[in-house]
PDB file of N, CA and C in Angstrom:
ATOM      1  N   MET A   1     130.393 113.109-106.918  1.00  0.00           N
ATOM      2  CA  MET A   1     131.230 112.712-108.044  1.00  0.00           C
ATOM      3  C   MET A   1     130.549 111.546-108.750  1.00  0.00           C
ATOM      4  N   THR A   2     130.367 111.680-110.061  1.00  0.00           N
ATOM      5  CA  THR A   2     129.722 110.607-110.811  1.00  0.00           C
ATOM      6  C   THR A   2     130.656 109.411-110.922  1.00  0.00           C
ATOM      7  N   GLY A   3     130.083 108.257-111.298  1.00  0.00           N
ATOM      8  CA  GLY A   3     130.876 107.044-111.449  1.00  0.00           C
ATOM      9  C   GLY A   3     131.973 107.192-112.476  1.00  0.00           C
ATOM     10  N   SER A   4     131.692 107.868-113.575  1.00  0.00           N
ATOM     11  CA  SER A   4     132.698 108.058-114.628  1.00  0.00           C
ATOM     12  C   SER A   4     133.855 108.924-114.146  1.00  0.00           C
ATOM     13  N   VAL A   5     133.543 109.993-113.436  1.00  0.00           N
ATOM     14  CA  VAL A   5     134.586 110.867-112.907  1.00  0.00           C
ATOM     15  C   VAL A   5     135.403 110.110-111.870  1.00  0.00           C
ATOM     16  N   ARG A   6     134.743 109.373-111.014  1.00  0.00           N
ATOM     17  CA  ARG A   6     135.435 108.582-109.994  1.00  0.00           C
ATOM     18  C   ARG A   6     136.386 107.579-110.652  1.00  0.00           C
ATOM     19  N   GLU A   7     135.921 106.931-111.720  1.00  0.00           N
ATOM     20  CA  GLU A   7     136.777 105.979-112.432  1.00  0.00           C
ATOM     21  C   GLU A   7     138.025 106.672-112.976  1.00  0.00           C
ATOM     22  N   ILE A   8     137.869 107.833-113.581  1.00  0.00           N
ATOM     23  CA  ILE A   8     139.002 108.574-114.135  1.00  0.00           C
ATOM     24  C   ILE A   8     139.978 108.961-113.020  1.00  0.00           C
ATOM     25  N   VAL A   9     139.472 109.475-111.924  1.00  0.00           N
ATOM     26  CA  VAL A   9     140.316 109.868-110.794  1.00  0.00           C
ATOM     27  C   VAL A   9     141.065 108.645-110.255  1.00  0.00           C
ATOM     28  N   ASN A  10     140.373 107.523-110.099  1.00  0.00           N
ATOM     29  CA  ASN A  10     141.007 106.304-109.596  1.00  0.00           C
ATOM     30  C   ASN A  10     142.079 105.793-110.557  1.00  0.00           C
ATOM     31  N   LEU A  11     141.785 105.780-111.862  1.00  0.00           N
ATOM     32  CA  LEU A  11     142.765 105.302-112.845  1.00  0.00           C
ATOM     33  C   LEU A  11     143.985 106.219-112.909  1.00  0.00           C
ATOM     34  N   ALA A  12     143.763 107.515-112.825  1.00  0.00           N
ATOM     35  CA  ALA A  12     144.890 108.455-112.822  1.00  0.00           C
ATOM     36  C   ALA A  12     145.803 108.178-111.635  1.00  0.00           C
ATOM     37  N   GLY A  13     145.222 108.000-110.474  1.00  0.00           N
ATOM     38  CA  GLY A  13     146.026 107.699-109.288  1.00  0.00           C
ATOM     39  C   GLY A  13     146.736 106.359-109.390  1.00  0.00           C
ATOM     40  N   LYS A  14     146.041 105.363-109.885  1.00  0.00           N
ATOM     41  CA  LYS A  14     146.594 104.011-109.983  1.00  0.00           C
ATOM     42  C   LYS A  14     147.802 103.949-110.910  1.00  0.00           C
ATOM     43  N   TYR A  15     147.769 104.724-112.012  1.00  0.00           N
ATOM     44  CA  TYR A  15     148.836 104.641-113.013  1.00  0.00           C
ATOM     45  C   TYR A  15     149.733 105.879-113.053  1.00  0.00           C
ATOM     46  N   GLY A  16     149.601 106.745-112.062  1.00  0.00           N
ATOM     47  CA  GLY A  16     150.473 107.911-111.972  1.00  0.00           C
ATOM     48  C   GLY A  16     150.273 108.916-113.086  1.00  0.00           C
ATOM     49  N   LEU A  17     149.041 109.071-113.527  1.00  0.00           N
ATOM     50  CA  LEU A  17     148.732 110.011-114.595  1.00  0.00           C
ATOM     51  C   LEU A  17     148.201 111.311-114.002  1.00  0.00           C
ATOM     52  N   LYS A  18     148.447 112.400-114.682  1.00  0.00           N
ATOM     53  CA  LYS A  18     147.948 113.704-114.245  1.00  0.00           C
ATOM     54  C   LYS A  18     146.664 114.007-115.010  1.00  0.00           C
ATOM     55  N   ILE A  19     145.623 114.351-114.304  1.00  0.00           N
ATOM     56  CA  ILE A  19     144.387 114.782-114.961  1.00  0.00           C
ATOM     57  C   ILE A  19     144.598 116.237-115.361  1.00  0.00           C
ATOM     58  N   SER A  20     144.837 116.463-116.666  1.00  0.00           N
ATOM     59  CA  SER A  20     145.079 117.835-117.112  1.00  0.00           C
ATOM     60  C   SER A  20     143.780 118.572-117.375  1.00  0.00           C
ATOM     61  N   SER A  21     142.704 117.832-117.654  1.00  0.00           N
ATOM     62  CA  SER A  21     141.383 118.452-117.746  1.00  0.00           C
ATOM     63  C   SER A  21     140.322 117.383-117.576  1.00  0.00           C
ATOM     64  N   ILE A  22     139.198 117.819-117.021  1.00  0.00           N
ATOM     65  CA  ILE A  22     138.051 116.921-116.875  1.00  0.00           C
ATOM     66  C   ILE A  22     136.798 117.795-116.864  1.00  0.00           C
ATOM     67  N   ASP A  23     135.839 117.385-117.654  1.00  0.00           N
ATOM     68  CA  ASP A  23     134.570 118.107-117.731  1.00  0.00           C
ATOM     69  C   ASP A  23     133.476 117.057-117.779  1.00  0.00           C
ATOM     70  N   ALA A  24     132.554 117.138-116.845  1.00  0.00           N
ATOM     71  CA  ALA A  24     131.501 116.133-116.774  1.00  0.00           C
ATOM     72  C   ALA A  24     130.151 116.787-116.560  1.00  0.00           C
ATOM     73  N   THR A  25     129.160 116.230-117.243  1.00  0.00           N
ATOM     74  CA  THR A  25     127.764 116.593-117.016  1.00  0.00           C
ATOM     75  C   THR A  25     127.036 115.305-116.667  1.00  0.00           C
ATOM     76  N   ASP A  26     125.729 115.362-116.562  1.00  0.00           N
ATOM     77  CA  ASP A  26     124.994 114.129-116.293  1.00  0.00           C
ATOM     78  C   ASP A  26     124.994 113.202-117.510  1.00  0.00           C
ATOM     79  N   VAL A  27     125.386 113.694-118.685  1.00  0.00           N
ATOM     80  CA  VAL A  27     125.373 112.896-119.913  1.00  0.00           C
ATOM     81  C   VAL A  27     126.778 112.654-120.467  1.00  0.00           C
ATOM     82  N   THR A  28     127.671 113.637-120.351  1.00  0.00           N
ATOM     83  CA  THR A  28     128.979 113.533-121.000  1.00  0.00           C
ATOM     84  C   THR A  28     130.136 113.602-120.011  1.00  0.00           C
ATOM     85  N   LEU A  29     131.259 113.062-120.477  1.00  0.00           N
ATOM     86  CA  LEU A  29     132.532 113.161-119.758  1.00  0.00           C
ATOM     87  C   LEU A  29     133.621 113.345-120.799  1.00  0.00           C
ATOM     88  N   ILE A  30     134.447 114.342-120.586  1.00  0.00           N
ATOM     89  CA  ILE A  30     135.640 114.536-121.412  1.00  0.00           C
ATOM     90  C   ILE A  30     136.798 114.685-120.435  1.00  0.00           C
ATOM     91  N   ALA A  31     137.808 113.828-120.585  1.00  0.00           N
ATOM     92  CA  ALA A  31     138.948 113.876-119.676  1.00  0.00           C
ATOM     93  C   ALA A  31     140.242 113.667-120.443  1.00  0.00           C
ATOM     94  N   ARG A  32     141.279 114.337-119.973  1.00  0.00           N
ATOM     95  CA  ARG A  32     142.636 114.149-120.500  1.00  0.00           C
ATOM     96  C   ARG A  32     143.520 113.683-119.358  1.00  0.00           C
ATOM     97  N   LEU A  33     144.147 112.543-119.578  1.00  0.00           N
ATOM     98  CA  LEU A  33     145.056 111.969-118.594  1.00  0.00           C
ATOM     99  C   LEU A  33     146.465 112.071-119.163  1.00  0.00           C
ATOM    100  N   GLU A  34     147.247 112.961-118.601  1.00  0.00           N
ATOM    101  CA  GLU A  34     148.561 113.275-119.144  1.00  0.00           C
ATOM    102  C   GLU A  34     149.617 112.304-118.628  1.00  0.00           C
ATOM    103  N   LEU A  35     150.402 111.761-119.563  1.00  0.00           N
ATOM    104  CA  LEU A  35     151.531 110.910-119.216  1.00  0.00           C
ATOM    105  C   LEU A  35     152.797 111.750-119.137  1.00  0.00           C
ATOM    106  N   LEU A  36     152.978 112.605-120.112  1.00  0.00           N
ATOM    107  CA  LEU A  36     154.055 113.588-120.176  1.00  0.00           C
ATOM    108  C   LEU A  36     153.481 114.805-120.888  1.00  0.00           C
ATOM    109  N   PRO A  37     154.129 115.962-120.779  1.00  0.00           N
ATOM    110  CA  PRO A  37     153.626 117.091-121.555  1.00  0.00           C
ATOM    111  C   PRO A  37     153.539 116.707-123.046  1.00  0.00           C
ATOM    112  N   GLY A  38     152.382 116.902-123.625  1.00  0.00           N
ATOM    113  CA  GLY A  38     152.191 116.592-125.036  1.00  0.00           C
ATOM    114  C   GLY A  38     151.809 115.151-125.332  1.00  0.00           C
ATOM    115  N   ILE A  39     151.750 114.299-124.301  1.00  0.00           N
ATOM    116  CA  ILE A  39     151.334 112.901-124.488  1.00  0.00           C
ATOM    117  C   ILE A  39     150.228 112.620-123.475  1.00  0.00           C
ATOM    118  N   PHE A  40     149.030 112.311-123.993  1.00  0.00           N
ATOM    119  CA  PHE A  40     147.923 112.063-123.082  1.00  0.00           C
ATOM    120  C   PHE A  40     146.904 111.106-123.679  1.00  0.00           C
ATOM    121  N   VAL A  41     146.108 110.532-122.791  1.00  0.00           N
ATOM    122  CA  VAL A  41     144.961 109.716-123.165  1.00  0.00           C
ATOM    123  C   VAL A  41     143.731 110.598-123.015  1.00  0.00           C
ATOM    124  N   GLN A  42     142.927 110.627-124.057  1.00  0.00           N
ATOM    125  CA  GLN A  42     141.674 111.380-124.005  1.00  0.00           C
ATOM    126  C   GLN A  42     140.506 110.407-123.952  1.00  0.00           C
ATOM    127  N   VAL A  43     139.595 110.661-123.042  1.00  0.00           N
ATOM    128  CA  VAL A  43     138.400 109.834-122.866  1.00  0.00           C
ATOM    129  C   VAL A  43     137.184 110.721-123.098  1.00  0.00           C
ATOM    130  N   TYR A  44     136.300 110.267-123.968  1.00  0.00           N
ATOM    131  CA  TYR A  44     135.037 110.971-124.193  1.00  0.00           C
ATOM    132  C   TYR A  44     133.912 109.959-124.066  1.00  0.00           C
ATOM    133  N   ARG A  45     132.964 110.237-123.189  1.00  0.00           N
ATOM    134  CA  ARG A  45     131.778 109.389-123.025  1.00  0.00           C
ATOM    135  C   ARG A  45     130.536 110.232-123.192  1.00  0.00           C
ATOM    136  N   ASN A  46     129.530 109.646-123.836  1.00  0.00           N
ATOM    137  CA  ASN A  46     128.214 110.261-123.925  1.00  0.00           C
ATOM    138  C   ASN A  46     127.209 109.153-123.665  1.00  0.00           C
ATOM    139  N   SER A  47     126.612 109.158-122.490  1.00  0.00           N
ATOM    140  CA  SER A  47     125.708 108.072-122.107  1.00  0.00           C
ATOM    141  C   SER A  47     124.422 108.089-122.919  1.00  0.00           C
ATOM    142  N   ARG A  48     123.994 109.238-123.354  1.00  0.00           N
ATOM    143  CA  ARG A  48     122.765 109.325-124.142  1.00  0.00           C
ATOM    144  C   ARG A  48     122.941 108.647-125.508  1.00  0.00           C
ATOM    145  N   LYS A  49     124.117 108.770-126.081  1.00  0.00           N
ATOM    146  CA  LYS A  49     124.396 108.178-127.393  1.00  0.00           C
ATOM    147  C   LYS A  49     125.087 106.818-127.293  1.00  0.00           C
ATOM    148  N   ASN A  50     125.306 106.323-126.068  1.00  0.00           N
ATOM    149  CA  ASN A  50     126.060 105.088-125.854  1.00  0.00           C
ATOM    150  C   ASN A  50     127.395 105.170-126.592  1.00  0.00           C
ATOM    151  N   LYS A  51     128.113 106.255-126.346  1.00  0.00           N
ATOM    152  CA  LYS A  51     129.340 106.557-127.083  1.00  0.00           C
ATOM    153  C   LYS A  51     130.531 106.577-126.130  1.00  0.00           C
ATOM    154  N   LEU A  52     131.621 105.944-126.561  1.00  0.00           N
ATOM    155  CA  LEU A  52     132.890 105.978-125.842  1.00  0.00           C
ATOM    156  C   LEU A  52     133.998 106.105-126.868  1.00  0.00           C
ATOM    157  N   ASN A  53     134.777 107.165-126.765  1.00  0.00           N
ATOM    158  CA  ASN A  53     135.929 107.366-127.632  1.00  0.00           C
ATOM    159  C   ASN A  53     137.167 107.417-126.746  1.00  0.00           C
ATOM    160  N   LEU A  54     138.162 106.638-127.111  1.00  0.00           N
ATOM    161  CA  LEU A  54     139.430 106.587-126.391  1.00  0.00           C
ATOM    162  C   LEU A  54     140.539 106.895-127.388  1.00  0.00           C
ATOM    163  N   ALA A  55     141.443 107.792-127.033  1.00  0.00           N
ATOM    164  CA  ALA A  55     142.507 108.158-127.966  1.00  0.00           C
ATOM    165  C   ALA A  55     143.816 108.385-127.228  1.00  0.00           C
ATOM    166  N   LEU A  56     144.907 107.939-127.837  1.00  0.00           N
ATOM    167  CA  LEU A  56     146.252 108.268-127.384  1.00  0.00           C
ATOM    168  C   LEU A  56     146.735 109.395-128.283  1.00  0.00           C
ATOM    169  N   ILE A  57     147.045 110.527-127.662  1.00  0.00           N
ATOM    170  CA  ILE A  57     147.457 111.717-128.390  1.00  0.00           C
ATOM    171  C   ILE A  57     148.927 111.992-128.102  1.00  0.00           C
ATOM    172  N   VAL A  58     149.706 112.174-129.163  1.00  0.00           N
ATOM    173  CA  VAL A  58     151.103 112.578-129.046  1.00  0.00           C
ATOM    174  C   VAL A  58     151.241 113.861-129.854  1.00  0.00           C
ATOM    175  N   GLY A  59     151.684 114.922-129.189  1.00  0.00           N
ATOM    176  CA  GLY A  59     151.652 116.238-129.838  1.00  0.00           C
ATOM    177  C   GLY A  59     150.185 116.619-129.977  1.00  0.00           C
ATOM    178  N   ASN A  60     149.765 116.888-131.152  1.00  0.00           N
ATOM    179  CA  ASN A  60     148.358 117.188-131.414  1.00  0.00           C
ATOM    180  C   ASN A  60     147.724 116.132-132.293  1.00  0.00           C
ATOM    181  N   THR A  61     148.312 114.929-132.324  1.00  0.00           N
ATOM    182  CA  THR A  61     147.879 113.900-133.257  1.00  0.00           C
ATOM    183  C   THR A  61     147.442 112.635-132.539  1.00  0.00           C
ATOM    184  N   ARG A  62     146.273 112.122-132.921  1.00  0.00           N
ATOM    185  CA  ARG A  62     145.849 110.819-132.408  1.00  0.00           C
ATOM    186  C   ARG A  62     146.706 109.763-133.105  1.00  0.00           C
ATOM    187  N   ILE A  63     147.393 108.944-132.300  1.00  0.00           N
ATOM    188  CA  ILE A  63     148.205 107.887-132.903  1.00  0.00           C
ATOM    189  C   ILE A  63     147.592 106.506-132.692  1.00  0.00           C
ATOM    190  N   TYR A  64     146.526 106.436-131.874  1.00  0.00           N
ATOM    191  CA  TYR A  64     145.876 105.164-131.581  1.00  0.00           C
ATOM    192  C   TYR A  64     144.539 105.480-130.943  1.00  0.00           C
ATOM    193  N   GLY A  65     143.543 104.642-131.202  1.00  0.00           N
ATOM    194  CA  GLY A  65     142.275 104.892-130.550  1.00  0.00           C
ATOM    195  C   GLY A  65     141.190 103.900-130.884  1.00  0.00           C
ATOM    196  N   PHE A  66     140.099 104.014-130.150  1.00  0.00           N
ATOM    197  CA  PHE A  66     138.879 103.241-130.364  1.00  0.00           C
ATOM    198  C   PHE A  66     137.703 104.195-130.243  1.00  0.00           C
ATOM    199  N   ASP A  67     136.743 104.037-131.123  1.00  0.00           N
ATOM    200  CA  ASP A  67     135.504 104.809-131.057  1.00  0.00           C
ATOM    201  C   ASP A  67     134.346 103.837-131.070  1.00  0.00           C
ATOM    202  N   SER A  68     133.335 104.122-130.282  1.00  0.00           N
ATOM    203  CA  SER A  68     132.116 103.316-130.320  1.00  0.00           C
ATOM    204  C   SER A  68     130.917 104.228-130.143  1.00  0.00           C
ATOM    205  N   GLU A  69     129.903 103.940-130.902  1.00  0.00           N
ATOM    206  CA  GLU A  69     128.650 104.666-130.764  1.00  0.00           C
ATOM    207  C   GLU A  69     127.517 103.720-131.110  1.00  0.00           C
ATOM    208  N   GLY A  70     126.609 103.561-130.164  1.00  0.00           N
ATOM    209  CA  GLY A  70     125.452 102.706-130.394  1.00  0.00           C
ATOM    210  C   GLY A  70     125.810 101.262-130.709  1.00  0.00           C
ATOM    211  N   GLY A  71     126.907 100.779-130.133  1.00  0.00           N
ATOM    212  CA  GLY A  71     127.301  99.391-130.358  1.00  0.00           C
ATOM    213  C   GLY A  71     128.192  99.176-131.567  1.00  0.00           C
ATOM    214  N   MET A  72     128.400 100.191-132.386  1.00  0.00           N
ATOM    215  CA  MET A  72     129.304 100.096-133.538  1.00  0.00           C
ATOM    216  C   MET A  72     130.688 100.545-133.082  1.00  0.00           C
ATOM    217  N   ILE A  73     131.658  99.642-133.159  1.00  0.00           N
ATOM    218  CA  ILE A  73     132.992  99.916-132.627  1.00  0.00           C
ATOM    219  C   ILE A  73     134.008  99.828-133.752  1.00  0.00           C
ATOM    220  N   HIS A  74     134.953 100.759-133.759  1.00  0.00           N
ATOM    221  CA  HIS A  74     136.072 100.660-134.693  1.00  0.00           C
ATOM    222  C   HIS A  74     137.356 101.130-134.016  1.00  0.00           C
ATOM    223  N   GLU A  75     138.451 100.606-134.546  1.00  0.00           N
ATOM    224  CA  GLU A  75     139.782 100.913-134.027  1.00  0.00           C
ATOM    225  C   GLU A  75     140.510 101.827-134.997  1.00  0.00           C
ATOM    226  N   HIS A  76     141.328 102.701-134.446  1.00  0.00           N
ATOM    227  CA  HIS A  76     142.288 103.500-135.191  1.00  0.00           C
ATOM    228  C   HIS A  76     143.651 102.918-134.796  1.00  0.00           C
ATOM    229  N   PRO A  77     144.170 101.951-135.564  1.00  0.00           N
ATOM    230  CA  PRO A  77     145.365 101.219-135.132  1.00  0.00           C
ATOM    231  C   PRO A  77     146.636 102.069-135.162  1.00  0.00           C
ATOM    232  N   LEU A  78     147.607 101.658-134.375  1.00  0.00           N
ATOM    233  CA  LEU A  78     148.888 102.354-134.309  1.00  0.00           C
ATOM    234  C   LEU A  78     149.553 102.440-135.678  1.00  0.00           C
ATOM    235  N   GLN A  79     149.418 101.396-136.478  1.00  0.00           N
ATOM    236  CA  GLN A  79     150.075 101.359-137.776  1.00  0.00           C
ATOM    237  C   GLN A  79     149.469 102.354-138.763  1.00  0.00           C
ATOM    238  N   ASP A  80     148.193 102.686-138.584  1.00  0.00           N
ATOM    239  CA  ASP A  80     147.485 103.586-139.498  1.00  0.00           C
ATOM    240  C   ASP A  80     146.315 104.236-138.762  1.00  0.00           C
ATOM    241  N   PRO A  81     146.611 105.221-137.902  1.00  0.00           N
ATOM    242  CA  PRO A  81     145.565 105.778-137.042  1.00  0.00           C
ATOM    243  C   PRO A  81     144.441 106.512-137.776  1.00  0.00           C
ATOM    244  N   GLU A  82     144.606 106.794-139.041  1.00  0.00           N
ATOM    245  CA  GLU A  82     143.532 107.434-139.803  1.00  0.00           C
ATOM    246  C   GLU A  82     142.509 106.421-140.318  1.00  0.00           C
ATOM    247  N   SER A  83     142.860 105.149-140.296  1.00  0.00           N
ATOM    248  CA  SER A  83     141.934 104.130-140.784  1.00  0.00           C
ATOM    249  C   SER A  83     140.899 103.789-139.712  1.00  0.00           C
ATOM    250  N   HIS A  84     139.833 103.159-140.143  1.00  0.00           N
ATOM    251  CA  HIS A  84     138.746 102.719-139.264  1.00  0.00           C
ATOM    252  C   HIS A  84     138.574 101.221-139.478  1.00  0.00           C
ATOM    253  N   ILE A  85     138.961 100.430-138.488  1.00  0.00           N
ATOM    254  CA  ILE A  85     138.852  98.983-138.590  1.00  0.00           C
ATOM    255  C   ILE A  85     137.741  98.513-137.662  1.00  0.00           C
ATOM    256  N   PRO A  86     136.625  98.026-138.231  1.00  0.00           N
ATOM    257  CA  PRO A  86     135.536  97.544-137.381  1.00  0.00           C
ATOM    258  C   PRO A  86     136.012  96.404-136.478  1.00  0.00           C
ATOM    259  N   CYS A  87     135.497  96.372-135.269  1.00  0.00           N
ATOM    260  CA  CYS A  87     135.820  95.289-134.344  1.00  0.00           C
ATOM    261  C   CYS A  87     134.593  94.980-133.497  1.00  0.00           C
ATOM    262  N   ALA A  88     134.578  93.771-132.984  1.00  0.00           N
ATOM    263  CA  ALA A  88     133.429  93.309-132.200  1.00  0.00           C
ATOM    264  C   ALA A  88     133.373  93.973-130.836  1.00  0.00           C
ATOM    265  N   GLN A  89     134.554  94.266-130.279  1.00  0.00           N
ATOM    266  CA  GLN A  89     134.610  94.814-128.928  1.00  0.00           C
ATOM    267  C   GLN A  89     135.856  95.663-128.784  1.00  0.00           C
ATOM    268  N   GLY A  90     135.717  96.779-128.123  1.00  0.00           N
ATOM    269  CA  GLY A  90     136.866  97.618-127.828  1.00  0.00           C
ATOM    270  C   GLY A  90     137.275  97.443-126.379  1.00  0.00           C
ATOM    271  N   PRO A  91     138.404  98.003-126.013  1.00  0.00           N
ATOM    272  CA  PRO A  91     138.848  97.898-124.624  1.00  0.00           C
ATOM    273  C   PRO A  91     138.057  98.841-123.725  1.00  0.00           C
ATOM    274  N   GLY A  92     138.061  98.537-122.445  1.00  0.00           N
ATOM    275  CA  GLY A  92     137.559  99.474-121.458  1.00  0.00           C
ATOM    276  C   GLY A  92     138.610 100.543-121.231  1.00  0.00           C
ATOM    277  N   THR A  93     138.288 101.539-120.452  1.00  0.00           N
ATOM    278  CA  THR A  93     139.211 102.646-120.237  1.00  0.00           C
ATOM    279  C   THR A  93     140.519 102.183-119.608  1.00  0.00           C
ATOM    280  N   GLU A  94     140.450 101.346-118.585  1.00  0.00           N
ATOM    281  CA  GLU A  94     141.679 100.885-117.933  1.00  0.00           C
ATOM    282  C   GLU A  94     142.521 100.042-118.885  1.00  0.00           C
ATOM    283  N   GLU A  95     141.903  99.146-119.610  1.00  0.00           N
ATOM    284  CA  GLU A  95     142.637  98.317-120.566  1.00  0.00           C
ATOM    285  C   GLU A  95     143.312  99.189-121.626  1.00  0.00           C
ATOM    286  N   PHE A  96     142.612 100.214-122.096  1.00  0.00           N
ATOM    287  CA  PHE A  96     143.182 101.117-123.096  1.00  0.00           C
ATOM    288  C   PHE A  96     144.394 101.858-122.522  1.00  0.00           C
ATOM    289  N   ILE A  97     144.284 102.350-121.307  1.00  0.00           N
ATOM    290  CA  ILE A  97     145.411 103.036-120.670  1.00  0.00           C
ATOM    291  C   ILE A  97     146.610 102.100-120.579  1.00  0.00           C
ATOM    292  N   LEU A  98     146.378 100.868-120.169  1.00  0.00           N
ATOM    293  CA  LEU A  98     147.481  99.900-120.069  1.00  0.00           C
ATOM    294  C   LEU A  98     148.124  99.636-121.429  1.00  0.00           C
ATOM    295  N   GLU A  99     147.310  99.513-122.476  1.00  0.00           N
ATOM    296  CA  GLU A  99     147.849  99.321-123.828  1.00  0.00           C
ATOM    297  C   GLU A  99     148.714 100.511-124.231  1.00  0.00           C
ATOM    298  N   CYS A 100     148.250 101.713-123.930  1.00  0.00           N
ATOM    299  CA  CYS A 100     149.003 102.914-124.271  1.00  0.00           C
ATOM    300  C   CYS A 100     150.318 102.978-123.498  1.00  0.00           C
ATOM    301  N   LEU A 101     150.279 102.691-122.215  1.00  0.00           N
ATOM    302  CA  LEU A 101     151.499 102.693-121.403  1.00  0.00           C
ATOM    303  C   LEU A 101     152.506 101.686-121.929  1.00  0.00           C
ATOM    304  N   THR A 102     152.042 100.497-122.271  1.00  0.00           N
ATOM    305  CA  THR A 102     152.932  99.461-122.811  1.00  0.00           C
ATOM    306  C   THR A 102     153.559  99.924-124.112  1.00  0.00           C
ATOM    307  N   PHE A 103     152.747 100.445-125.020  1.00  0.00           N
ATOM    308  CA  PHE A 103     153.254 100.933-126.307  1.00  0.00           C
ATOM    309  C   PHE A 103     154.321 102.006-126.101  1.00  0.00           C
ATOM    310  N   LEU A 104     154.044 102.975-125.254  1.00  0.00           N
ATOM    311  CA  LEU A 104     154.976 104.085-125.036  1.00  0.00           C
ATOM    312  C   LEU A 104     156.258 103.626-124.349  1.00  0.00           C
ATOM    313  N   ARG A 105     156.133 102.713-123.389  1.00  0.00           N
ATOM    314  CA  ARG A 105     157.337 102.187-122.713  1.00  0.00           C
ATOM    315  C   ARG A 105     158.184 101.350-123.661  1.00  0.00           C
ATOM    316  N   ASP A 106     157.545 100.524-124.491  1.00  0.00           N
ATOM    317  CA  ASP A 106     158.276  99.678-125.448  1.00  0.00           C
ATOM    318  C   ASP A 106     159.087 100.516-126.424  1.00  0.00           C
ATOM    319  N   ARG A 107     158.671 101.743-126.669  1.00  0.00           N
ATOM    320  CA  ARG A 107     159.366 102.631-127.609  1.00  0.00           C
ATOM    321  C   ARG A 107     160.162 103.718-126.896  1.00  0.00           C
ATOM    322  N   ASP A 108     160.355 103.534-125.585  1.00  0.00           N
ATOM    323  CA  ASP A 108     161.119 104.476-124.763  1.00  0.00           C
ATOM    324  C   ASP A 108     160.627 105.926-124.882  1.00  0.00           C
ATOM    325  N   LEU A 109     159.308 106.078-125.028  1.00  0.00           N
ATOM    326  CA  LEU A 109     158.720 107.411-125.085  1.00  0.00           C
ATOM    327  C   LEU A 109     158.346 107.917-123.696  1.00  0.00           C
ATOM    328  N   ILE A 110     158.218 106.989-122.728  1.00  0.00           N
ATOM    329  CA  ILE A 110     157.986 107.383-121.337  1.00  0.00           C
ATOM    330  C   ILE A 110     158.904 106.563-120.452  1.00  0.00           C
TER     331      ILE A 110
END
């Protein structure tokens, strides 16, 4: 099990999330961590491109996220998830999951 897959498995267990899908190669990782049916965190990593995309999906819509590629990071904020707001640093996977859980709990969605 690669380090990225191990991290996803550990985070899912730690926060009671269901891994609804996971696909990993030596370069990429795509994982969905389900909170409820239709609500999940999607993680995409590509080590060759130094890329990490994190998204909170509700239904079929990204409502929050961070994308980074080659050191260029931008946020898709909750208030306007279609916008791209440059930022110096994005959250790690665990921090992003915690932010999503807090947001969903504060709005009684989970």
